[in-house]
Amino acid sequence: MKGEIMKQIKPLSSKSSLLLGLLAFSATLYSQTVAAGSQFFGNGAPQSSAELPAGELRKSIGSLPAAAQLRALQWLQSIEFSAQDVSYMNVDPQGSVYYADTYMTDKSASADGAVASSMTGITAKNVFKLHSQPGAANTIFVDFDGATITGKAWNKQARASSLQAKPYDTDGDPKSFSASEVSSMAEIWERIAEDFAPFDVDVTTKMQGTTPKDGYCQFSMTPV
């Protein structure tokens, strides 16, 4: 009986050793991936700007007065973000953190039309009335037709009470929207709406309110 038990234990021990080996390999691979730059922040981190990857965000927070630094760090500690996100983040003089993404439009391609949206029947009139989830508790306003911006973090960053964002324009005519521009705007809205589809959020191109539940996304062909 003892011999039979030992025969059963040996194969199990071999399998256990193999499993432990695989787990150890996975842990090593994961630690190498984190070291390569996939570090996550939030839930109490970072404790100081020095813990952030080198870049504009780290530099900007480090140059703020103590109270503004504390506000920025507390904001960062309350969310979850990766090291890759940091290059798209910045902070205003009061310590408010915001995202900013800049890209250049390929004007040579715009003449033939941008990436086509899967939507049909979108015109220069109804492209500004799109809704992904009408009646949702939260909204994100995607603004393409220009705006006078006041009371935003952008104003604090630029130290200007008012900023003029020009309309989305790829053909040099900001006074009207071509079929190509309409297609581009619809495709941009569609992609944002797809990202927020699992949540109680209405992504819309129609002007909304300014409550804490109303987000704002400005698309302009010039920096604001």
C-alpha atoms as a PDB file:
ATOM      1  CA  MET A   1       0.000   0.000   0.000  1.00  0.00           C
ATOM      2  CA  LYS A   2       2.817   2.363   0.898  1.00  0.00           C
ATOM      3  CA  GLY A   3       4.451   1.734  -2.472  1.00  0.00           C
ATOM      4  CA  GLU A   4       1.221   2.498  -4.330  1.00  0.00           C
ATOM      5  CA  ILE A   5       0.824   5.776  -2.435  1.00  0.00           C
ATOM      6  CA  MET A   6       4.383   6.817  -3.280  1.00  0.00           C
ATOM      7  CA  LYS A   7       3.783   6.023  -6.956  1.00  0.00           C
ATOM      8  CA  GLN A   8       0.781   8.351  -6.910  1.00  0.00           C
ATOM      9  CA  ILE A   9       2.626  11.155  -5.111  1.00  0.00           C
ATOM     10  CA  LYS A  10       5.600  11.219  -7.496  1.00  0.00           C
ATOM     11  CA  PRO A  11       3.613  12.101 -10.646  1.00  0.00           C
ATOM     12  CA  LEU A  12       1.717  14.757  -8.704  1.00  0.00           C
ATOM     13  CA  SER A  13       4.986  16.216  -7.455  1.00  0.00           C
ATOM     14  CA  SER A  14       6.310  16.448 -11.023  1.00  0.00           C
ATOM     15  CA  LYS A  15       3.171  18.260 -12.167  1.00  0.00           C
ATOM     16  CA  SER A  16       3.354  20.600  -9.164  1.00  0.00           C
ATOM     17  CA  SER A  17       6.985  21.407  -9.943  1.00  0.00           C
ATOM     18  CA  LEU A  18       6.077  22.187 -13.544  1.00  0.00           C
ATOM     19  CA  LEU A  19       3.207  24.424 -12.424  1.00  0.00           C
ATOM     20  CA  LEU A  20       5.419  26.283  -9.967  1.00  0.00           C
ATOM     21  CA  GLY A  21       8.016  26.731 -12.684  1.00  0.00           C
ATOM     22  CA  LEU A  22       5.447  28.237 -15.043  1.00  0.00           C
ATOM     23  CA  LEU A  23       4.164  30.567 -12.333  1.00  0.00           C
ATOM     24  CA  ALA A  24       7.680  31.727 -11.550  1.00  0.00           C
ATOM     25  CA  PHE A  25       8.337  32.362 -15.242  1.00  0.00           C
ATOM     26  CA  SER A  26       5.076  34.326 -15.536  1.00  0.00           C
ATOM     27  CA  ALA A  27       5.960  36.437 -12.507  1.00  0.00           C
ATOM     28  CA  THR A  28       9.391  37.219 -13.947  1.00  0.00           C
ATOM     29  CA  LEU A  29       7.886  38.129 -17.319  1.00  0.00           C
ATOM     30  CA  TYR A  30       5.316  40.376 -15.633  1.00  0.00           C
ATOM     31  CA  SER A  31       7.983  42.177 -13.578  1.00  0.00           C
ATOM     32  CA  GLN A  32      10.034  42.749 -16.733  1.00  0.00           C
ATOM     33  CA  THR A  33       6.976  44.184 -18.491  1.00  0.00           C
ATOM     34  CA  VAL A  34       6.332  46.572 -15.613  1.00  0.00           C
ATOM     35  CA  ALA A  35       9.962  47.622 -15.639  1.00  0.00           C
ATOM     36  CA  ALA A  36       9.673  48.286 -19.375  1.00  0.00           C
ATOM     37  CA  GLY A  37       7.157  51.056 -18.739  1.00  0.00           C
ATOM     38  CA  SER A  38       3.731  49.594 -18.062  1.00  0.00           C
ATOM     39  CA  GLN A  39       3.675  50.939 -14.501  1.00  0.00           C
ATOM     40  CA  PHE A  40       0.275  51.967 -13.170  1.00  0.00           C
ATOM     41  CA  PHE A  41      -0.487  54.842 -10.842  1.00  0.00           C
ATOM     42  CA  GLY A  42      -3.472  55.748  -8.700  1.00  0.00           C
ATOM     43  CA  ASN A  43      -4.939  54.382  -5.482  1.00  0.00           C
ATOM     44  CA  GLY A  44      -2.549  56.482  -3.426  1.00  0.00           C
ATOM     45  CA  ALA A  45       0.314  56.878  -5.919  1.00  0.00           C
ATOM     46  CA  PRO A  46       2.322  58.881  -6.791  1.00  0.00           C
ATOM     47  CA  GLN A  47       3.312  60.390  -3.473  1.00  0.00           C
ATOM     48  CA  SER A  48       5.490  62.979  -5.212  1.00  0.00           C
ATOM     49  CA  SER A  49       6.096  64.242  -8.747  1.00  0.00           C
ATOM     50  CA  ALA A  50       9.520  62.543  -8.686  1.00  0.00           C
ATOM     51  CA  GLU A  51       7.769  59.162  -8.950  1.00  0.00           C
ATOM     52  CA  LEU A  52       6.291  60.087 -12.349  1.00  0.00           C
ATOM     53  CA  PRO A  53       8.116  59.385 -15.638  1.00  0.00           C
ATOM     54  CA  ALA A  54      10.302  62.271 -16.801  1.00  0.00           C
ATOM     55  CA  GLY A  55       8.338  64.696 -18.955  1.00  0.00           C
ATOM     56  CA  GLU A  56       6.132  67.773 -19.036  1.00  0.00           C
ATOM     57  CA  LEU A  57       3.692  66.608 -16.343  1.00  0.00           C
ATOM     58  CA  ARG A  58       6.434  65.836 -13.836  1.00  0.00           C
ATOM     59  CA  LYS A  59       8.207  69.122 -14.615  1.00  0.00           C
ATOM     60  CA  SER A  60       5.005  71.185 -14.392  1.00  0.00           C
ATOM     61  CA  ILE A  61       3.900  69.713 -11.063  1.00  0.00           C
ATOM     62  CA  GLY A  62       7.381  70.197  -9.616  1.00  0.00           C
ATOM     63  CA  SER A  63       7.295  73.909 -10.485  1.00  0.00           C
ATOM     64  CA  LEU A  64       3.936  74.589  -8.798  1.00  0.00           C
ATOM     65  CA  PRO A  65       3.470  76.216  -5.377  1.00  0.00           C
ATOM     66  CA  ALA A  66       3.075  73.731  -2.534  1.00  0.00           C
ATOM     67  CA  ALA A  67      -0.740  73.982  -2.350  1.00  0.00           C
ATOM     68  CA  ALA A  68      -1.147  73.469  -6.111  1.00  0.00           C
ATOM     69  CA  GLN A  69       1.314  70.542  -6.047  1.00  0.00           C
ATOM     70  CA  LEU A  70      -0.720  68.887  -3.306  1.00  0.00           C
ATOM     71  CA  ARG A  71      -3.945  69.366  -5.265  1.00  0.00           C
ATOM     72  CA  ALA A  72      -2.428  67.834  -8.407  1.00  0.00           C
ATOM     73  CA  LEU A  73      -0.998  64.836  -6.548  1.00  0.00           C
ATOM     74  CA  GLN A  74      -4.270  64.202  -4.714  1.00  0.00           C
ATOM     75  CA  TRP A  75      -6.110  64.251  -8.034  1.00  0.00           C
ATOM     76  CA  LEU A  76      -3.658  61.772  -9.572  1.00  0.00           C
ATOM     77  CA  GLN A  77      -3.887  59.504  -6.528  1.00  0.00           C
ATOM     78  CA  SER A  78      -7.685  59.341  -6.885  1.00  0.00           C
ATOM     79  CA  ILE A  79      -7.682  57.829 -10.394  1.00  0.00           C
ATOM     80  CA  GLU A  80      -5.871  54.990 -12.158  1.00  0.00           C
ATOM     81  CA  PHE A  81      -3.583  55.681 -15.125  1.00  0.00           C
ATOM     82  CA  SER A  82      -0.558  54.111 -16.765  1.00  0.00           C
ATOM     83  CA  ALA A  83       2.891  55.470 -17.450  1.00  0.00           C
ATOM     84  CA  GLN A  84       1.943  55.632 -21.132  1.00  0.00           C
ATOM     85  CA  ASP A  85      -0.858  58.094 -20.289  1.00  0.00           C
ATOM     86  CA  VAL A  86       1.528  60.583 -18.718  1.00  0.00           C
ATOM     87  CA  SER A  87       2.721  62.020 -22.051  1.00  0.00           C
ATOM     88  CA  TYR A  88      -0.872  63.153 -22.722  1.00  0.00           C
ATOM     89  CA  MET A  89      -1.389  64.760 -19.302  1.00  0.00           C
ATOM     90  CA  ASN A  90      -0.597  68.212 -17.989  1.00  0.00           C
ATOM     91  CA  VAL A  91      -1.461  70.483 -15.095  1.00  0.00           C
ATOM     92  CA  ASP A  92      -2.604  74.112 -14.858  1.00  0.00           C
ATOM     93  CA  PRO A  93      -1.204  76.712 -12.408  1.00  0.00           C
ATOM     94  CA  GLN A  94      -3.877  75.834  -9.824  1.00  0.00           C
ATOM     95  CA  GLY A  95      -3.047  72.104  -9.840  1.00  0.00           C
ATOM     96  CA  SER A  96      -5.925  70.876 -12.020  1.00  0.00           C
ATOM     97  CA  VAL A  97      -4.854  67.929 -14.168  1.00  0.00           C
ATOM     98  CA  TYR A  98      -6.122  67.506 -17.725  1.00  0.00           C
ATOM     99  CA  TYR A  99      -5.493  65.473 -20.871  1.00  0.00           C
ATOM    100  CA  ALA A 100      -4.313  67.087 -24.118  1.00  0.00           C
ATOM    101  CA  ASP A 101      -3.786  65.221 -27.387  1.00  0.00           C
ATOM    102  CA  THR A 102      -2.295  66.909 -30.448  1.00  0.00           C
ATOM    103  CA  TYR A 103      -2.211  65.481 -33.949  1.00  0.00           C
ATOM    104  CA  MET A 104      -1.638  66.790 -37.449  1.00  0.00           C
ATOM    105  CA  THR A 105      -4.179  66.239 -40.195  1.00  0.00           C
ATOM    106  CA  ASP A 106      -2.889  64.869 -43.490  1.00  0.00           C
ATOM    107  CA  LYS A 107      -4.273  67.581 -45.779  1.00  0.00           C
ATOM    108  CA  SER A 108      -3.249  65.704 -48.911  1.00  0.00           C
ATOM    109  CA  ALA A 109      -5.512  62.867 -47.854  1.00  0.00           C
ATOM    110  CA  SER A 110      -8.405  65.107 -46.841  1.00  0.00           C
ATOM    111  CA  ALA A 111      -9.115  66.045 -50.435  1.00  0.00           C
ATOM    112  CA  ASP A 112     -10.070  62.441 -51.171  1.00  0.00           C
ATOM    113  CA  GLY A 113     -11.968  62.051 -47.908  1.00  0.00           C
ATOM    114  CA  ALA A 114     -10.906  60.859 -44.494  1.00  0.00           C
ATOM    115  CA  VAL A 115     -11.505  57.427 -43.065  1.00  0.00           C
ATOM    116  CA  ALA A 116     -15.147  56.807 -43.855  1.00  0.00           C
ATOM    117  CA  SER A 117     -17.668  56.387 -41.087  1.00  0.00           C
ATOM    118  CA  SER A 118     -19.887  53.318 -41.109  1.00  0.00           C
ATOM    119  CA  MET A 119     -22.839  55.690 -40.662  1.00  0.00           C
ATOM    120  CA  THR A 120     -24.968  56.823 -43.603  1.00  0.00           C
ATOM    121  CA  GLY A 121     -27.177  59.856 -44.164  1.00  0.00           C
ATOM    122  CA  ILE A 122     -24.988  62.222 -42.142  1.00  0.00           C
ATOM    123  CA  THR A 123     -25.089  65.815 -43.411  1.00  0.00           C
ATOM    124  CA  ALA A 124     -23.630  69.170 -42.379  1.00  0.00           C
ATOM    125  CA  LYS A 125     -26.880  69.813 -40.452  1.00  0.00           C
ATOM    126  CA  ASN A 126     -27.497  66.605 -38.550  1.00  0.00           C
ATOM    127  CA  VAL A 127     -23.814  65.921 -37.779  1.00  0.00           C
ATOM    128  CA  PHE A 128     -24.292  68.392 -34.908  1.00  0.00           C
ATOM    129  CA  LYS A 129     -27.267  66.456 -33.476  1.00  0.00           C
ATOM    130  CA  LEU A 130     -25.713  63.039 -32.924  1.00  0.00           C
ATOM    131  CA  HIS A 131     -26.401  61.131 -29.687  1.00  0.00           C
ATOM    132  CA  SER A 132     -25.051  57.741 -28.635  1.00  0.00           C
ATOM    133  CA  GLN A 133     -27.307  57.188 -25.594  1.00  0.00           C
ATOM    134  CA  PRO A 134     -30.005  59.886 -25.270  1.00  0.00           C
ATOM    135  CA  GLY A 135     -31.188  60.263 -21.700  1.00  0.00           C
ATOM    136  CA  ALA A 136     -28.004  58.903 -20.097  1.00  0.00           C
ATOM    137  CA  ALA A 137     -27.044  60.286 -16.696  1.00  0.00           C
ATOM    138  CA  ASN A 138     -23.752  61.670 -18.023  1.00  0.00           C
ATOM    139  CA  THR A 139     -22.829  63.388 -21.277  1.00  0.00           C
ATOM    140  CA  ILE A 140     -19.705  64.160 -23.289  1.00  0.00           C
ATOM    141  CA  PHE A 141     -20.098  67.056 -25.717  1.00  0.00           C
ATOM    142  CA  VAL A 142     -17.878  66.652 -28.794  1.00  0.00           C
ATOM    143  CA  ASP A 143     -17.504  70.174 -30.199  1.00  0.00           C
ATOM    144  CA  PHE A 144     -16.464  70.663 -33.831  1.00  0.00           C
ATOM    145  CA  ASP A 145     -17.907  74.062 -34.801  1.00  0.00           C
ATOM    146  CA  GLY A 146     -15.650  76.275 -32.707  1.00  0.00           C
ATOM    147  CA  ALA A 147     -16.301  78.027 -29.422  1.00  0.00           C
ATOM    148  CA  THR A 148     -15.373  80.836 -27.101  1.00  0.00           C
ATOM    149  CA  ILE A 149     -13.825  79.021 -24.145  1.00  0.00           C
ATOM    150  CA  THR A 150     -14.089  80.460 -20.648  1.00  0.00           C
ATOM    151  CA  GLY A 151     -13.777  78.996 -17.176  1.00  0.00           C
ATOM    152  CA  LYS A 152     -11.844  75.884 -18.302  1.00  0.00           C
ATOM    153  CA  ALA A 153      -8.460  74.486 -17.294  1.00  0.00           C
ATOM    154  CA  TRP A 154      -7.216  75.633 -20.718  1.00  0.00           C
ATOM    155  CA  ASN A 155      -7.874  79.250 -19.697  1.00  0.00           C
ATOM    156  CA  LYS A 156      -5.885  78.804 -16.504  1.00  0.00           C
ATOM    157  CA  GLN A 157      -3.007  77.200 -18.400  1.00  0.00           C
ATOM    158  CA  ALA A 158      -2.933  80.026 -20.975  1.00  0.00           C
ATOM    159  CA  ARG A 159      -3.616  82.641 -18.278  1.00  0.00           C
ATOM    160  CA  ALA A 160      -6.386  84.043 -20.481  1.00  0.00           C
ATOM    161  CA  SER A 161      -9.992  84.592 -19.409  1.00  0.00           C
ATOM    162  CA  SER A 162     -11.218  83.891 -22.943  1.00  0.00           C
ATOM    163  CA  LEU A 163      -9.900  81.673 -25.748  1.00  0.00           C
ATOM    164  CA  GLN A 164     -11.274  81.345 -29.278  1.00  0.00           C
ATOM    165  CA  ALA A 165     -11.223  77.795 -30.671  1.00  0.00           C
ATOM    166  CA  LYS A 166     -11.584  77.744 -34.447  1.00  0.00           C
ATOM    167  CA  PRO A 167     -13.940  75.259 -36.130  1.00  0.00           C
ATOM    168  CA  TYR A 168     -12.719  71.855 -37.291  1.00  0.00           C
ATOM    169  CA  ASP A 169     -11.293  72.586 -40.747  1.00  0.00           C
ATOM    170  CA  THR A 170      -9.285  70.417 -43.147  1.00  0.00           C
ATOM    171  CA  ASP A 171      -9.908  72.250 -46.442  1.00  0.00           C
ATOM    172  CA  GLY A 172      -9.018  75.825 -45.527  1.00  0.00           C
ATOM    173  CA  ASP A 173     -12.637  77.010 -45.417  1.00  0.00           C
ATOM    174  CA  PRO A 174     -13.744  77.348 -41.765  1.00  0.00           C
ATOM    175  CA  LYS A 175     -17.102  78.906 -42.710  1.00  0.00           C
ATOM    176  CA  SER A 176     -18.589  75.674 -44.076  1.00  0.00           C
ATOM    177  CA  PHE A 177     -18.168  71.916 -43.709  1.00  0.00           C
ATOM    178  CA  SER A 178     -17.465  69.789 -46.781  1.00  0.00           C
ATOM    179  CA  ALA A 179     -18.697  66.221 -47.264  1.00  0.00           C
ATOM    180  CA  SER A 180     -15.205  65.010 -46.364  1.00  0.00           C
ATOM    181  CA  GLU A 181     -15.176  67.008 -43.121  1.00  0.00           C
ATOM    182  CA  VAL A 182     -18.675  65.798 -42.220  1.00  0.00           C
ATOM    183  CA  SER A 183     -17.529  62.207 -42.754  1.00  0.00           C
ATOM    184  CA  SER A 184     -14.476  62.809 -40.551  1.00  0.00           C
ATOM    185  CA  MET A 185     -16.536  64.365 -37.755  1.00  0.00           C
ATOM    186  CA  ALA A 186     -19.025  61.493 -37.843  1.00  0.00           C
ATOM    187  CA  GLU A 187     -16.185  58.963 -37.732  1.00  0.00           C
ATOM    188  CA  ILE A 188     -14.528  60.739 -34.767  1.00  0.00           C
ATOM    189  CA  TRP A 189     -17.829  60.886 -32.863  1.00  0.00           C
ATOM    190  CA  GLU A 190     -18.509  57.232 -33.668  1.00  0.00           C
ATOM    191  CA  ARG A 191     -15.149  56.108 -32.292  1.00  0.00           C
ATOM    192  CA  ILE A 192     -15.574  58.077 -29.053  1.00  0.00           C
ATOM    193  CA  ALA A 193     -19.131  56.767 -28.652  1.00  0.00           C
ATOM    194  CA  GLU A 194     -17.865  53.207 -29.115  1.00  0.00           C
ATOM    195  CA  ASP A 195     -15.314  53.656 -26.306  1.00  0.00           C
ATOM    196  CA  PHE A 196     -17.991  54.849 -23.886  1.00  0.00           C
ATOM    197  CA  ALA A 197     -20.732  52.447 -25.021  1.00  0.00           C
ATOM    198  CA  PRO A 198     -20.472  50.217 -21.879  1.00  0.00           C
ATOM    199  CA  PHE A 199     -21.123  53.201 -19.590  1.00  0.00           C
ATOM    200  CA  ASP A 200     -24.095  55.416 -18.751  1.00  0.00           C
ATOM    201  CA  VAL A 201     -22.775  58.189 -20.992  1.00  0.00           C
ATOM    202  CA  ASP A 202     -24.326  59.983 -23.954  1.00  0.00           C
ATOM    203  CA  VAL A 203     -21.617  61.087 -26.395  1.00  0.00           C
ATOM    204  CA  THR A 204     -23.181  63.886 -28.397  1.00  0.00           C
ATOM    205  CA  THR A 205     -22.320  66.619 -30.888  1.00  0.00           C
ATOM    206  CA  LYS A 206     -25.210  68.752 -29.606  1.00  0.00           C
ATOM    207  CA  MET A 207     -24.384  71.497 -27.114  1.00  0.00           C
ATOM    208  CA  GLN A 208     -25.084  70.384 -23.537  1.00  0.00           C
ATOM    209  CA  GLY A 209     -25.051  71.923 -20.075  1.00  0.00           C
ATOM    210  CA  THR A 210     -22.108  72.646 -17.821  1.00  0.00           C
ATOM    211  CA  THR A 211     -22.894  70.510 -14.773  1.00  0.00           C
ATOM    212  CA  PRO A 212     -20.329  68.163 -13.156  1.00  0.00           C
ATOM    213  CA  LYS A 213     -21.918  65.338 -15.196  1.00  0.00           C
ATOM    214  CA  ASP A 214     -21.290  67.096 -18.520  1.00  0.00           C
ATOM    215  CA  GLY A 215     -17.891  66.514 -20.125  1.00  0.00           C
ATOM    216  CA  TYR A 216     -16.418  68.640 -22.898  1.00  0.00           C
ATOM    217  CA  CYS A 217     -14.197  67.592 -25.800  1.00  0.00           C
ATOM    218  CA  GLN A 218     -13.017  70.328 -28.189  1.00  0.00           C
ATOM    219  CA  PHE A 219     -11.782  69.565 -31.716  1.00  0.00           C
ATOM    220  CA  SER A 220     -10.069  72.579 -33.266  1.00  0.00           C
ATOM    221  CA  MET A 221      -7.535  72.882 -36.057  1.00  0.00           C
ATOM    222  CA  THR A 222      -5.444  75.338 -34.050  1.00  0.00           C
ATOM    223  CA  PRO A 223      -4.194  75.171 -30.461  1.00  0.00           C
ATOM    224  CA  VAL A 224      -6.573  76.807 -27.990  1.00  0.00           C
END
